[in-house]
Amino acid sequence: MLTGSAAQAQTDTVRASTLPPAQLAEKYYNSGVAKFNDKSYNAALQDFDRALAAKPDFARAYYNRAATRYELKQYAPAVQDYNEAIRLDPSTFTAWYGRAQARQAQGQAAEAEQDYGKVTELKPDYAAAWYDRGALRFEKGDYQAALQDFTQATKVDAKYAYAWHDRASAERQLGQPEAAVRDYTEALRLNPDLHVALLNRAAAKRRLKDYKGALEDYSDYLRRRSDDPVGYLGRAGARYEAGEYQAAVDDLTQALKLRPDYALALNNRAAAYQQLKNYKAAEADASAAINQNPQYAEAYLNRGHAREMLRNVPGACADWRKAAELGITAGTAYAANSGCEQ
């Protein structure tokens, strides 16, 4: 019995190792897919290597090895494998999409954009490709093209909340706040947990001078994310624009408790303190903002105003000149009107 058992085990080993190359490649390929699905990426990579050693023109093995390398953040080798998969089967849209993602991960935005475009040609109903190309175009400032891509993504998949959200952001950039509010609202209807849409819808409402609506959105966001200083900064901005200066100071103070080095919050609180005629506090906050960012032109401008009201004319003049040097032309006008050049 022992001899028979040993012989049977030896026979299995011989049979497995003498499979025809195509079958052996499929065996390793299927094993690699199973390991990939278990997130055992290094083990999967070894199986795909074996599959390709047995069958060098195995397009699906190149594709899956590329996907494995992508998960391992081996982006350049992943692109090489996607190249082979595309060469062997150029009609498979998933290889083009995978290569686009790997190229994007390497910072090759132009090449990734071209690959996403190819996906939209091969499979026009693949919403992710429209969305991802739109995101690339948005990042480079081509908002009109981005809007077209996000719109197509929503047509292909009307439940694609992120596409509705990013279409709204493109509309904001193109000066279409009313359309942006509608699209942010749709994104929130589809995904109530997309909290950033509340922040962005609030910003669009501020453009429309709908301060009440903006405050409602900011407050709703802060009920969900009370630890985010950006939410307090935004609500403070809406309160400032609505003339609620003390409430703006309170929100900015809360933002600074959460993030003491928040230069933008310091500068904005300086502006609110000026409206409350608390010029010493305004000067102190603007100075703190400048300490955080010595190139902060708006903070120099605000400190100049506070120092003027504190009768520190030389200090005000120096701040306005610095603001002008950093690109705010109004600094030159303030300096001139206050007699700084005399």
C-alpha atoms as a PDB file:
ATOM      1  CA  MET A   1       0.000   0.000   0.000  1.00  0.00           C
ATOM      2  CA  LEU A   2       2.793   2.402   0.835  1.00  0.00           C
ATOM      3  CA  THR A   3       4.519   1.628  -2.439  1.00  0.00           C
ATOM      4  CA  GLY A   4       1.305   2.094  -4.387  1.00  0.00           C
ATOM      5  CA  SER A   5       0.579   5.402  -2.675  1.00  0.00           C
ATOM      6  CA  ALA A   6       4.053   6.696  -3.423  1.00  0.00           C
ATOM      7  CA  ALA A   7       3.787   5.589  -7.012  1.00  0.00           C
ATOM      8  CA  GLN A   8       0.406   7.297  -7.398  1.00  0.00           C
ATOM      9  CA  ALA A   9       1.815  10.562  -6.027  1.00  0.00           C
ATOM     10  CA  GLN A  10       4.740  10.349  -8.427  1.00  0.00           C
ATOM     11  CA  THR A  11       2.376   9.681 -11.315  1.00  0.00           C
ATOM     12  CA  ASP A  12       0.330  12.819 -10.509  1.00  0.00           C
ATOM     13  CA  THR A  13       3.480  14.913 -10.509  1.00  0.00           C
ATOM     14  CA  VAL A  14       4.598  13.535 -13.867  1.00  0.00           C
ATOM     15  CA  ARG A  15       1.155  14.050 -15.388  1.00  0.00           C
ATOM     16  CA  ALA A  16       0.974  17.691 -14.228  1.00  0.00           C
ATOM     17  CA  SER A  17       4.413  18.549 -15.553  1.00  0.00           C
ATOM     18  CA  THR A  18       3.772  17.009 -18.960  1.00  0.00           C
ATOM     19  CA  LEU A  19       0.587  18.876 -19.830  1.00  0.00           C
ATOM     20  CA  PRO A  20       0.546  20.464 -23.283  1.00  0.00           C
ATOM     21  CA  PRO A  21       1.824  24.082 -23.089  1.00  0.00           C
ATOM     22  CA  ALA A  22      -1.612  25.612 -23.747  1.00  0.00           C
ATOM     23  CA  GLN A  23      -3.224  23.585 -20.957  1.00  0.00           C
ATOM     24  CA  LEU A  24      -0.339  24.249 -18.606  1.00  0.00           C
ATOM     25  CA  ALA A  25      -0.672  27.992 -19.309  1.00  0.00           C
ATOM     26  CA  GLU A  26      -4.400  27.853 -18.530  1.00  0.00           C
ATOM     27  CA  LYS A  27      -3.690  25.976 -15.316  1.00  0.00           C
ATOM     28  CA  TYR A  28      -1.258  28.624 -14.072  1.00  0.00           C
ATOM     29  CA  TYR A  29      -3.490  31.419 -15.386  1.00  0.00           C
ATOM     30  CA  ASN A  30      -6.516  30.186 -13.445  1.00  0.00           C
ATOM     31  CA  SER A  31      -4.396  29.776 -10.332  1.00  0.00           C
ATOM     32  CA  GLY A  32      -3.097  33.318 -10.747  1.00  0.00           C
ATOM     33  CA  VAL A  33      -6.610  34.720 -11.082  1.00  0.00           C
ATOM     34  CA  ALA A  34      -7.687  32.947  -7.891  1.00  0.00           C
ATOM     35  CA  LYS A  35      -4.687  34.313  -5.996  1.00  0.00           C
ATOM     36  CA  PHE A  36      -5.303  37.801  -7.372  1.00  0.00           C
ATOM     37  CA  ASN A  37      -8.876  37.661  -6.131  1.00  0.00           C
ATOM     38  CA  ASP A  38      -7.527  36.676  -2.710  1.00  0.00           C
ATOM     39  CA  LYS A  39      -5.188  39.704  -2.904  1.00  0.00           C
ATOM     40  CA  SER A  40      -2.142  37.416  -2.837  1.00  0.00           C
ATOM     41  CA  TYR A  41      -0.520  39.551  -5.493  1.00  0.00           C
ATOM     42  CA  ASN A  42       3.065  38.283  -5.340  1.00  0.00           C
ATOM     43  CA  ALA A  43       1.898  34.676  -5.600  1.00  0.00           C
ATOM     44  CA  ALA A  44      -0.424  35.621  -8.464  1.00  0.00           C
ATOM     45  CA  LEU A  45       2.472  37.316 -10.249  1.00  0.00           C
ATOM     46  CA  GLN A  46       4.489  34.104 -10.129  1.00  0.00           C
ATOM     47  CA  ASP A  47       1.627  32.119 -11.650  1.00  0.00           C
ATOM     48  CA  PHE A  48       1.152  34.594 -14.486  1.00  0.00           C
ATOM     49  CA  ASP A  49       4.914  34.429 -15.132  1.00  0.00           C
ATOM     50  CA  ARG A  50       4.618  30.651 -15.469  1.00  0.00           C
ATOM     51  CA  ALA A  51       1.580  30.959 -17.720  1.00  0.00           C
ATOM     52  CA  LEU A  52       3.450  33.270 -20.064  1.00  0.00           C
ATOM     53  CA  ALA A  53       6.524  31.059 -20.036  1.00  0.00           C
ATOM     54  CA  ALA A  54       4.326  28.229 -21.295  1.00  0.00           C
ATOM     55  CA  LYS A  55       2.408  30.400 -23.775  1.00  0.00           C
ATOM     56  CA  PRO A  56       4.186  33.659 -24.718  1.00  0.00           C
ATOM     57  CA  ASP A  57       1.240  34.967 -26.811  1.00  0.00           C
ATOM     58  CA  PHE A  58      -1.325  34.623 -23.967  1.00  0.00           C
ATOM     59  CA  ALA A  59      -3.056  38.037 -24.083  1.00  0.00           C
ATOM     60  CA  ARG A  60      -5.231  37.497 -21.006  1.00  0.00           C
ATOM     61  CA  ALA A  61      -2.188  36.515 -18.947  1.00  0.00           C
ATOM     62  CA  TYR A  62      -0.425  39.746 -19.945  1.00  0.00           C
ATOM     63  CA  TYR A  63      -3.524  41.704 -18.995  1.00  0.00           C
ATOM     64  CA  ASN A  64      -3.870  40.048 -15.597  1.00  0.00           C
ATOM     65  CA  ARG A  65      -0.164  40.266 -14.859  1.00  0.00           C
ATOM     66  CA  ALA A  66      -0.398  43.971 -15.655  1.00  0.00           C
ATOM     67  CA  ALA A  67      -3.333  44.338 -13.266  1.00  0.00           C
ATOM     68  CA  THR A  68      -1.350  42.509 -10.594  1.00  0.00           C
ATOM     69  CA  ARG A  69       1.654  44.759 -11.093  1.00  0.00           C
ATOM     70  CA  TYR A  70      -0.620  47.784 -10.859  1.00  0.00           C
ATOM     71  CA  GLU A  71      -1.843  46.595  -7.457  1.00  0.00           C
ATOM     72  CA  LEU A  72       1.800  46.188  -6.412  1.00  0.00           C
ATOM     73  CA  LYS A  73       2.454  49.769  -7.619  1.00  0.00           C
ATOM     74  CA  GLN A  74       4.833  48.475 -10.294  1.00  0.00           C
ATOM     75  CA  TYR A  75       3.437  50.912 -12.821  1.00  0.00           C
ATOM     76  CA  ALA A  76       6.140  50.882 -15.520  1.00  0.00           C
ATOM     77  CA  PRO A  77       6.174  47.058 -15.827  1.00  0.00           C
ATOM     78  CA  ALA A  78       2.371  47.137 -15.775  1.00  0.00           C
ATOM     79  CA  VAL A  79       2.381  49.467 -18.791  1.00  0.00           C
ATOM     80  CA  GLN A  80       4.734  47.081 -20.602  1.00  0.00           C
ATOM     81  CA  ASP A  81       2.350  44.185 -19.993  1.00  0.00           C
ATOM     82  CA  TYR A  82      -0.649  46.232 -21.093  1.00  0.00           C
ATOM     83  CA  ASN A  83       1.305  47.078 -24.269  1.00  0.00           C
ATOM     84  CA  GLU A  84       1.651  43.357 -25.018  1.00  0.00           C
ATOM     85  CA  ALA A  85      -2.015  42.681 -24.217  1.00  0.00           C
ATOM     86  CA  ILE A  86      -3.041  45.468 -26.611  1.00  0.00           C
ATOM     87  CA  ARG A  87      -0.656  44.251 -29.315  1.00  0.00           C
ATOM     88  CA  LEU A  88      -2.113  40.754 -29.125  1.00  0.00           C
ATOM     89  CA  ASP A  89      -5.747  41.881 -28.843  1.00  0.00           C
ATOM     90  CA  PRO A  90      -6.232  45.596 -29.624  1.00  0.00           C
ATOM     91  CA  SER A  91     -10.031  45.334 -29.453  1.00  0.00           C
ATOM     92  CA  THR A  92     -10.161  44.644 -25.704  1.00  0.00           C
ATOM     93  CA  PHE A  93     -11.129  47.912 -24.024  1.00  0.00           C
ATOM     94  CA  THR A  94     -10.094  46.755 -20.548  1.00  0.00           C
ATOM     95  CA  ALA A  95      -6.413  46.681 -21.521  1.00  0.00           C
ATOM     96  CA  TRP A  96      -6.586  50.249 -22.812  1.00  0.00           C
ATOM     97  CA  TYR A  97      -8.339  51.332 -19.626  1.00  0.00           C
ATOM     98  CA  GLY A  98      -5.802  49.550 -17.438  1.00  0.00           C
ATOM     99  CA  ARG A  99      -2.914  51.150 -19.303  1.00  0.00           C
ATOM    100  CA  ALA A 100      -4.542  54.557 -18.886  1.00  0.00           C
ATOM    101  CA  GLN A 101      -4.686  54.075 -15.131  1.00  0.00           C
ATOM    102  CA  ALA A 102      -1.089  52.885 -14.936  1.00  0.00           C
ATOM    103  CA  ARG A 103       0.083  55.826 -17.027  1.00  0.00           C
ATOM    104  CA  GLN A 104      -1.902  58.223 -14.887  1.00  0.00           C
ATOM    105  CA  ALA A 105      -0.308  56.741 -11.765  1.00  0.00           C
ATOM    106  CA  GLN A 106       3.090  57.594 -13.290  1.00  0.00           C
ATOM    107  CA  GLY A 107       2.049  61.180 -13.978  1.00  0.00           C
ATOM    108  CA  GLN A 108       1.716  60.633 -17.730  1.00  0.00           C
ATOM    109  CA  ALA A 109      -1.520  62.586 -18.009  1.00  0.00           C
ATOM    110  CA  ALA A 110      -1.458  63.197 -21.775  1.00  0.00           C
ATOM    111  CA  GLU A 111      -0.853  59.521 -22.569  1.00  0.00           C
ATOM    112  CA  ALA A 112      -3.529  58.451 -20.081  1.00  0.00           C
ATOM    113  CA  GLU A 113      -6.004  60.870 -21.643  1.00  0.00           C
ATOM    114  CA  GLN A 114      -5.377  59.309 -25.065  1.00  0.00           C
ATOM    115  CA  ASP A 115      -5.954  55.806 -23.704  1.00  0.00           C
ATOM    116  CA  TYR A 116      -9.191  56.806 -21.982  1.00  0.00           C
ATOM    117  CA  GLY A 117     -10.266  58.256 -25.324  1.00  0.00           C
ATOM    118  CA  LYS A 118      -9.593  54.920 -27.006  1.00  0.00           C
ATOM    119  CA  VAL A 119     -11.779  53.204 -24.416  1.00  0.00           C
ATOM    120  CA  THR A 120     -14.647  55.563 -25.225  1.00  0.00           C
ATOM    121  CA  GLU A 121     -14.292  54.574 -28.888  1.00  0.00           C
ATOM    122  CA  LEU A 122     -14.211  50.830 -28.203  1.00  0.00           C
ATOM    123  CA  LYS A 123     -16.921  50.872 -25.544  1.00  0.00           C
ATOM    124  CA  PRO A 124     -18.908  54.123 -25.561  1.00  0.00           C
ATOM    125  CA  ASP A 125     -21.151  52.920 -22.729  1.00  0.00           C
ATOM    126  CA  TYR A 126     -18.238  52.591 -20.268  1.00  0.00           C
ATOM    127  CA  ALA A 127     -18.954  55.518 -17.946  1.00  0.00           C
ATOM    128  CA  ALA A 128     -15.708  55.246 -15.965  1.00  0.00           C
ATOM    129  CA  ALA A 129     -13.604  56.098 -19.024  1.00  0.00           C
ATOM    130  CA  TRP A 130     -15.614  59.258 -19.728  1.00  0.00           C
ATOM    131  CA  TYR A 131     -15.370  60.239 -16.072  1.00  0.00           C
ATOM    132  CA  ASP A 132     -11.639  59.589 -15.736  1.00  0.00           C
ATOM    133  CA  ARG A 133     -10.809  61.487 -18.910  1.00  0.00           C
ATOM    134  CA  GLY A 134     -12.984  64.321 -17.676  1.00  0.00           C
ATOM    135  CA  ALA A 135     -11.068  64.392 -14.400  1.00  0.00           C
ATOM    136  CA  LEU A 136      -7.772  64.695 -16.255  1.00  0.00           C
ATOM    137  CA  ARG A 137      -9.115  67.498 -18.398  1.00  0.00           C
ATOM    138  CA  PHE A 138     -10.477  69.278 -15.325  1.00  0.00           C
ATOM    139  CA  GLU A 139      -7.088  69.077 -13.615  1.00  0.00           C
ATOM    140  CA  LYS A 140      -5.359  70.762 -16.555  1.00  0.00           C
ATOM    141  CA  GLY A 141      -7.974  73.531 -16.648  1.00  0.00           C
ATOM    142  CA  ASP A 142      -9.850  72.459 -19.791  1.00  0.00           C
ATOM    143  CA  TYR A 143     -13.211  72.851 -18.078  1.00  0.00           C
ATOM    144  CA  GLN A 144     -15.363  72.853 -21.212  1.00  0.00           C
ATOM    145  CA  ALA A 145     -13.947  69.521 -22.397  1.00  0.00           C
ATOM    146  CA  ALA A 146     -14.225  68.150 -18.870  1.00  0.00           C
ATOM    147  CA  LEU A 147     -17.878  69.204 -18.746  1.00  0.00           C
ATOM    148  CA  GLN A 148     -18.566  67.329 -21.971  1.00  0.00           C
ATOM    149  CA  ASP A 149     -16.952  64.158 -20.614  1.00  0.00           C
ATOM    150  CA  PHE A 150     -18.772  64.314 -17.271  1.00  0.00           C
ATOM    151  CA  THR A 151     -22.032  64.925 -19.129  1.00  0.00           C
ATOM    152  CA  GLN A 152     -21.436  61.836 -21.250  1.00  0.00           C
ATOM    153  CA  ALA A 153     -20.692  59.807 -18.123  1.00  0.00           C
ATOM    154  CA  THR A 154     -24.053  60.830 -16.637  1.00  0.00           C
ATOM    155  CA  LYS A 155     -25.814  59.906 -19.876  1.00  0.00           C
ATOM    156  CA  VAL A 156     -24.226  56.469 -19.881  1.00  0.00           C
ATOM    157  CA  ASP A 157     -24.869  55.958 -16.161  1.00  0.00           C
ATOM    158  CA  ALA A 158     -27.509  58.267 -14.728  1.00  0.00           C
ATOM    159  CA  LYS A 159     -26.728  57.020 -11.203  1.00  0.00           C
ATOM    160  CA  TYR A 160     -23.039  57.982 -11.338  1.00  0.00           C
ATOM    161  CA  ALA A 161     -22.974  60.388  -8.381  1.00  0.00           C
ATOM    162  CA  TYR A 162     -19.336  61.389  -8.773  1.00  0.00           C
ATOM    163  CA  ALA A 163     -19.907  62.309 -12.420  1.00  0.00           C
ATOM    164  CA  TRP A 164     -22.798  64.591 -11.430  1.00  0.00           C
ATOM    165  CA  HIS A 165     -20.626  66.117  -8.714  1.00  0.00           C
ATOM    166  CA  ASP A 166     -17.654  66.787 -10.974  1.00  0.00           C
ATOM    167  CA  ARG A 167     -19.871  68.091 -13.746  1.00  0.00           C
ATOM    168  CA  ALA A 168     -21.136  70.624 -11.209  1.00  0.00           C
ATOM    169  CA  SER A 169     -17.555  71.592 -10.370  1.00  0.00           C
ATOM    170  CA  ALA A 170     -16.798  72.152 -14.062  1.00  0.00           C
ATOM    171  CA  GLU A 171     -19.913  74.316 -14.309  1.00  0.00           C
ATOM    172  CA  ARG A 172     -18.726  76.365 -11.345  1.00  0.00           C
ATOM    173  CA  GLN A 173     -15.403  76.958 -13.072  1.00  0.00           C
ATOM    174  CA  LEU A 174     -17.252  78.031 -16.220  1.00  0.00           C
ATOM    175  CA  GLY A 175     -19.331  80.586 -14.287  1.00  0.00           C
ATOM    176  CA  GLN A 176     -22.561  78.562 -14.241  1.00  0.00           C
ATOM    177  CA  PRO A 177     -23.459  78.461 -10.517  1.00  0.00           C
ATOM    178  CA  GLU A 178     -27.161  77.737 -11.026  1.00  0.00           C
ATOM    179  CA  ALA A 179     -26.401  74.632 -13.086  1.00  0.00           C
ATOM    180  CA  ALA A 180     -23.775  73.660 -10.523  1.00  0.00           C
ATOM    181  CA  VAL A 181     -26.306  73.822  -7.672  1.00  0.00           C
ATOM    182  CA  ARG A 182     -28.669  71.545  -9.620  1.00  0.00           C
ATOM    183  CA  ASP A 183     -25.951  68.982 -10.327  1.00  0.00           C
ATOM    184  CA  TYR A 184     -24.584  68.979  -6.768  1.00  0.00           C
ATOM    185  CA  THR A 185     -28.156  68.409  -5.600  1.00  0.00           C
ATOM    186  CA  GLU A 186     -28.492  65.434  -7.924  1.00  0.00           C
ATOM    187  CA  ALA A 187     -25.168  64.013  -6.701  1.00  0.00           C
ATOM    188  CA  LEU A 188     -26.416  64.261  -3.113  1.00  0.00           C
ATOM    189  CA  ARG A 189     -29.721  62.633  -4.022  1.00  0.00           C
ATOM    190  CA  LEU A 190     -27.851  59.683  -5.508  1.00  0.00           C
ATOM    191  CA  ASN A 191     -25.268  59.522  -2.713  1.00  0.00           C
ATOM    192  CA  PRO A 192     -26.254  61.322   0.527  1.00  0.00           C
ATOM    193  CA  ASP A 193     -22.850  60.412   1.994  1.00  0.00           C
ATOM    194  CA  LEU A 194     -20.994  62.465  -0.633  1.00  0.00           C
ATOM    195  CA  HIS A 195     -20.303  65.145   1.957  1.00  0.00           C
ATOM    196  CA  VAL A 196     -17.966  67.216  -0.196  1.00  0.00           C
ATOM    197  CA  ALA A 197     -20.939  68.021  -2.420  1.00  0.00           C
ATOM    198  CA  LEU A 198     -22.430  70.008   0.465  1.00  0.00           C
ATOM    199  CA  LEU A 199     -19.292  72.147   0.683  1.00  0.00           C
ATOM    200  CA  ASN A 200     -19.198  72.722  -3.046  1.00  0.00           C
ATOM    201  CA  ARG A 201     -22.927  73.410  -3.348  1.00  0.00           C
ATOM    202  CA  ALA A 202     -22.575  75.961  -0.557  1.00  0.00           C
ATOM    203  CA  ALA A 203     -19.787  77.688  -2.516  1.00  0.00           C
ATOM    204  CA  ALA A 204     -21.991  77.795  -5.629  1.00  0.00           C
ATOM    205  CA  LYS A 205     -24.846  79.274  -3.586  1.00  0.00           C
ATOM    206  CA  ARG A 206     -22.491  81.976  -2.324  1.00  0.00           C
ATOM    207  CA  ARG A 207     -21.797  82.915  -5.944  1.00  0.00           C
ATOM    208  CA  LEU A 208     -25.555  83.369  -6.298  1.00  0.00           C
ATOM    209  CA  LYS A 209     -25.647  85.412  -3.061  1.00  0.00           C
ATOM    210  CA  ASP A 210     -27.899  82.760  -1.550  1.00  0.00           C
ATOM    211  CA  TYR A 211     -26.248  83.083   1.838  1.00  0.00           C
ATOM    212  CA  LYS A 212     -29.084  81.412   3.711  1.00  0.00           C
ATOM    213  CA  GLY A 213     -28.861  78.339   1.488  1.00  0.00           C
ATOM    214  CA  ALA A 214     -25.073  78.316   1.744  1.00  0.00           C
ATOM    215  CA  LEU A 215     -25.208  78.491   5.541  1.00  0.00           C
ATOM    216  CA  GLU A 216     -27.654  75.587   5.610  1.00  0.00           C
ATOM    217  CA  ASP A 217     -25.291  73.475   3.516  1.00  0.00           C
ATOM    218  CA  TYR A 218     -22.231  74.357   5.582  1.00  0.00           C
ATOM    219  CA  SER A 219     -24.095  73.628   8.815  1.00  0.00           C
ATOM    220  CA  ASP A 220     -25.332  70.300   7.439  1.00  0.00           C
ATOM    221  CA  TYR A 221     -21.767  69.420   6.480  1.00  0.00           C
ATOM    222  CA  LEU A 222     -20.439  70.377   9.923  1.00  0.00           C
ATOM    223  CA  ARG A 223     -23.062  68.210  11.633  1.00  0.00           C
ATOM    224  CA  ARG A 224     -21.482  65.301   9.786  1.00  0.00           C
ATOM    225  CA  ARG A 225     -17.857  66.457   9.872  1.00  0.00           C
ATOM    226  CA  SER A 226     -17.414  68.648  12.928  1.00  0.00           C
ATOM    227  CA  ASP A 227     -13.658  67.988  12.887  1.00  0.00           C
ATOM    228  CA  ASP A 228     -13.021  69.602   9.483  1.00  0.00           C
ATOM    229  CA  PRO A 229     -11.630  73.154   9.642  1.00  0.00           C
ATOM    230  CA  VAL A 230     -12.482  73.686   5.966  1.00  0.00           C
ATOM    231  CA  GLY A 231     -16.184  73.519   6.813  1.00  0.00           C
ATOM    232  CA  TYR A 232     -15.823  76.252   9.432  1.00  0.00           C
ATOM    233  CA  LEU A 233     -13.757  78.338   7.009  1.00  0.00           C
ATOM    234  CA  GLY A 234     -16.478  78.098   4.375  1.00  0.00           C
ATOM    235  CA  ARG A 235     -19.314  78.908   6.751  1.00  0.00           C
ATOM    236  CA  ALA A 236     -17.323  81.852   8.066  1.00  0.00           C
ATOM    237  CA  GLY A 237     -16.995  83.126   4.504  1.00  0.00           C
ATOM    238  CA  ALA A 238     -20.755  82.949   3.981  1.00  0.00           C
ATOM    239  CA  ARG A 239     -21.363  84.699   7.297  1.00  0.00           C
ATOM    240  CA  TYR A 240     -18.868  87.412   6.431  1.00  0.00           C
ATOM    241  CA  GLU A 241     -20.542  87.994   3.072  1.00  0.00           C
ATOM    242  CA  ALA A 242     -23.918  88.163   4.845  1.00  0.00           C
ATOM    243  CA  GLY A 243     -22.541  90.810   7.225  1.00  0.00           C
ATOM    244  CA  GLU A 244     -22.458  88.490  10.254  1.00  0.00           C
ATOM    245  CA  TYR A 245     -18.921  89.407  11.253  1.00  0.00           C
ATOM    246  CA  GLN A 246     -18.901  88.156  14.848  1.00  0.00           C
ATOM    247  CA  ALA A 247     -20.334  84.809  13.750  1.00  0.00           C
ATOM    248  CA  ALA A 248     -17.595  84.664  11.114  1.00  0.00           C
ATOM    249  CA  VAL A 249     -14.959  85.277  13.814  1.00  0.00           C
ATOM    250  CA  ASP A 250     -16.478  82.477  15.914  1.00  0.00           C
ATOM    251  CA  ASP A 251     -16.302  79.985  13.031  1.00  0.00           C
ATOM    252  CA  LEU A 252     -12.745  80.954  12.144  1.00  0.00           C
ATOM    253  CA  THR A 253     -11.735  80.608  15.778  1.00  0.00           C
ATOM    254  CA  GLN A 254     -13.120  77.069  15.727  1.00  0.00           C
ATOM    255  CA  ALA A 255     -11.215  76.331  12.522  1.00  0.00           C
ATOM    256  CA  LEU A 256      -8.010  77.517  14.173  1.00  0.00           C
ATOM    257  CA  LYS A 257      -8.610  75.342  17.221  1.00  0.00           C
ATOM    258  CA  LEU A 258      -8.635  72.377  14.869  1.00  0.00           C
ATOM    259  CA  ARG A 259      -5.703  73.645  12.798  1.00  0.00           C
ATOM    260  CA  PRO A 260      -3.651  76.373  14.484  1.00  0.00           C
ATOM    261  CA  ASP A 261      -1.374  76.898  11.449  1.00  0.00           C
ATOM    262  CA  TYR A 262      -4.264  77.583   9.048  1.00  0.00           C
ATOM    263  CA  ALA A 263      -2.999  80.753   7.385  1.00  0.00           C
ATOM    264  CA  LEU A 264      -6.153  81.286   5.334  1.00  0.00           C
ATOM    265  CA  ALA A 265      -8.317  81.195   8.465  1.00  0.00           C
ATOM    266  CA  LEU A 266      -5.973  83.644  10.220  1.00  0.00           C
ATOM    267  CA  ASN A 267      -6.145  86.107   7.338  1.00  0.00           C
ATOM    268  CA  ASN A 268      -9.922  85.809   7.035  1.00  0.00           C
ATOM    269  CA  ARG A 269     -10.361  86.348  10.749  1.00  0.00           C
ATOM    270  CA  ALA A 270      -8.177  89.450  10.426  1.00  0.00           C
ATOM    271  CA  ALA A 271     -10.615  90.752   7.787  1.00  0.00           C
ATOM    272  CA  ALA A 272     -13.597  90.013  10.044  1.00  0.00           C
ATOM    273  CA  TYR A 273     -11.942  91.725  13.008  1.00  0.00           C
ATOM    274  CA  GLN A 274     -11.442  94.821  10.849  1.00  0.00           C
ATOM    275  CA  GLN A 275     -15.156  94.931  10.137  1.00  0.00           C
ATOM    276  CA  LEU A 276     -15.693  94.805  13.917  1.00  0.00           C
ATOM    277  CA  LYS A 277     -13.143  97.655  14.299  1.00  0.00           C
ATOM    278  CA  ASN A 278     -10.909  95.432  16.416  1.00  0.00           C
ATOM    279  CA  TYR A 279      -7.754  96.564  14.621  1.00  0.00           C
ATOM    280  CA  LYS A 280      -5.237  95.177  17.119  1.00  0.00           C
ATOM    281  CA  ALA A 281      -6.687  91.696  16.757  1.00  0.00           C
ATOM    282  CA  ALA A 282      -6.749  92.138  12.980  1.00  0.00           C
ATOM    283  CA  GLU A 283      -3.079  93.135  12.938  1.00  0.00           C
ATOM    284  CA  ALA A 284      -2.143  90.175  15.137  1.00  0.00           C
ATOM    285  CA  ASP A 285      -3.990  87.653  12.939  1.00  0.00           C
ATOM    286  CA  ALA A 286      -2.571  89.051   9.714  1.00  0.00           C
ATOM    287  CA  SER A 287       0.931  88.916  11.229  1.00  0.00           C
ATOM    288  CA  ALA A 288       0.350  85.301  12.275  1.00  0.00           C
ATOM    289  CA  ALA A 289      -0.782  84.463   8.722  1.00  0.00           C
ATOM    290  CA  ILE A 290       2.393  86.066   7.347  1.00  0.00           C
ATOM    291  CA  ASN A 291       4.503  84.054   9.770  1.00  0.00           C
ATOM    292  CA  GLN A 292       2.913  80.914   8.356  1.00  0.00           C
ATOM    293  CA  ASN A 293       3.325  82.086   4.754  1.00  0.00           C
ATOM    294  CA  PRO A 294       5.742  84.989   4.112  1.00  0.00           C
ATOM    295  CA  GLN A 295       4.457  85.241   0.513  1.00  0.00           C
ATOM    296  CA  TYR A 296       0.823  85.737   1.529  1.00  0.00           C
ATOM    297  CA  ALA A 297      -0.048  88.922  -0.370  1.00  0.00           C
ATOM    298  CA  GLU A 298      -3.607  89.292   0.955  1.00  0.00           C
ATOM    299  CA  ALA A 299      -2.353  89.118   4.539  1.00  0.00           C
ATOM    300  CA  TYR A 300       0.040  92.018   3.906  1.00  0.00           C
ATOM    301  CA  LEU A 301      -2.842  93.986   2.419  1.00  0.00           C
ATOM    302  CA  ASN A 302      -5.067  93.319   5.439  1.00  0.00           C
ATOM    303  CA  ARG A 303      -2.308  94.102   7.913  1.00  0.00           C
ATOM    304  CA  GLY A 304      -1.688  97.357   6.061  1.00  0.00           C
ATOM    305  CA  HIS A 305      -5.318  98.358   6.568  1.00  0.00           C
ATOM    306  CA  ALA A 306      -5.197  97.450  10.265  1.00  0.00           C
ATOM    307  CA  ARG A 307      -1.956  99.371  10.782  1.00  0.00           C
ATOM    308  CA  GLU A 308      -3.366 102.403   9.018  1.00  0.00           C
ATOM    309  CA  MET A 309      -6.267 102.451  11.487  1.00  0.00           C
ATOM    310  CA  LEU A 310      -3.776 102.033  14.359  1.00  0.00           C
ATOM    311  CA  ARG A 311      -1.915 105.127  13.045  1.00  0.00           C
ATOM    312  CA  ASN A 312       1.130 103.075  12.103  1.00  0.00           C
ATOM    313  CA  VAL A 313       1.484 104.704   8.696  1.00  0.00           C
ATOM    314  CA  PRO A 314       5.077 103.556   7.966  1.00  0.00           C
ATOM    315  CA  GLY A 315       4.079  99.964   8.764  1.00  0.00           C
ATOM    316  CA  ALA A 316       0.949 100.233   6.615  1.00  0.00           C
ATOM    317  CA  CYS A 317       2.949 101.630   3.695  1.00  0.00           C
ATOM    318  CA  ALA A 318       5.515  98.854   3.950  1.00  0.00           C
ATOM    319  CA  ASP A 319       2.758  96.222   3.958  1.00  0.00           C
ATOM    320  CA  TRP A 320       0.955  97.695   0.962  1.00  0.00           C
ATOM    321  CA  ARG A 321       4.191  97.870  -1.002  1.00  0.00           C
ATOM    322  CA  LYS A 322       4.869  94.233  -0.154  1.00  0.00           C
ATOM    323  CA  ALA A 323       1.354  93.257  -1.257  1.00  0.00           C
ATOM    324  CA  ALA A 324       1.950  95.050  -4.569  1.00  0.00           C
ATOM    325  CA  GLU A 325       5.314  93.315  -4.948  1.00  0.00           C
ATOM    326  CA  LEU A 326       3.545  89.975  -4.497  1.00  0.00           C
ATOM    327  CA  GLY A 327       1.003  90.729  -7.197  1.00  0.00           C
ATOM    328  CA  ILE A 328      -1.891  92.671  -5.645  1.00  0.00           C
ATOM    329  CA  THR A 329      -1.964  95.896  -7.643  1.00  0.00           C
ATOM    330  CA  ALA A 330      -4.406  97.474  -5.176  1.00  0.00           C
ATOM    331  CA  GLY A 331      -1.476  97.727  -2.763  1.00  0.00           C
ATOM    332  CA  THR A 332       0.111 100.371  -4.975  1.00  0.00           C
ATOM    333  CA  ALA A 333      -3.114 102.378  -5.045  1.00  0.00           C
ATOM    334  CA  TYR A 334      -3.522 102.231  -1.274  1.00  0.00           C
ATOM    335  CA  ALA A 335       0.060 103.357  -0.802  1.00  0.00           C
ATOM    336  CA  ALA A 336      -0.390 106.228  -3.222  1.00  0.00           C
ATOM    337  CA  ASN A 337      -3.692 107.375  -1.747  1.00  0.00           C
ATOM    338  CA  SER A 338      -2.248 107.366   1.763  1.00  0.00           C
ATOM    339  CA  GLY A 339       0.710 109.496   0.814  1.00  0.00           C
ATOM    340  CA  CYS A 340       3.255 106.735   1.285  1.00  0.00           C
ATOM    341  CA  GLU A 341       5.406 108.065  -1.541  1.00  0.00           C
ATOM    342  CA  GLN A 342       5.781 111.525   0.034  1.00  0.00           C
END
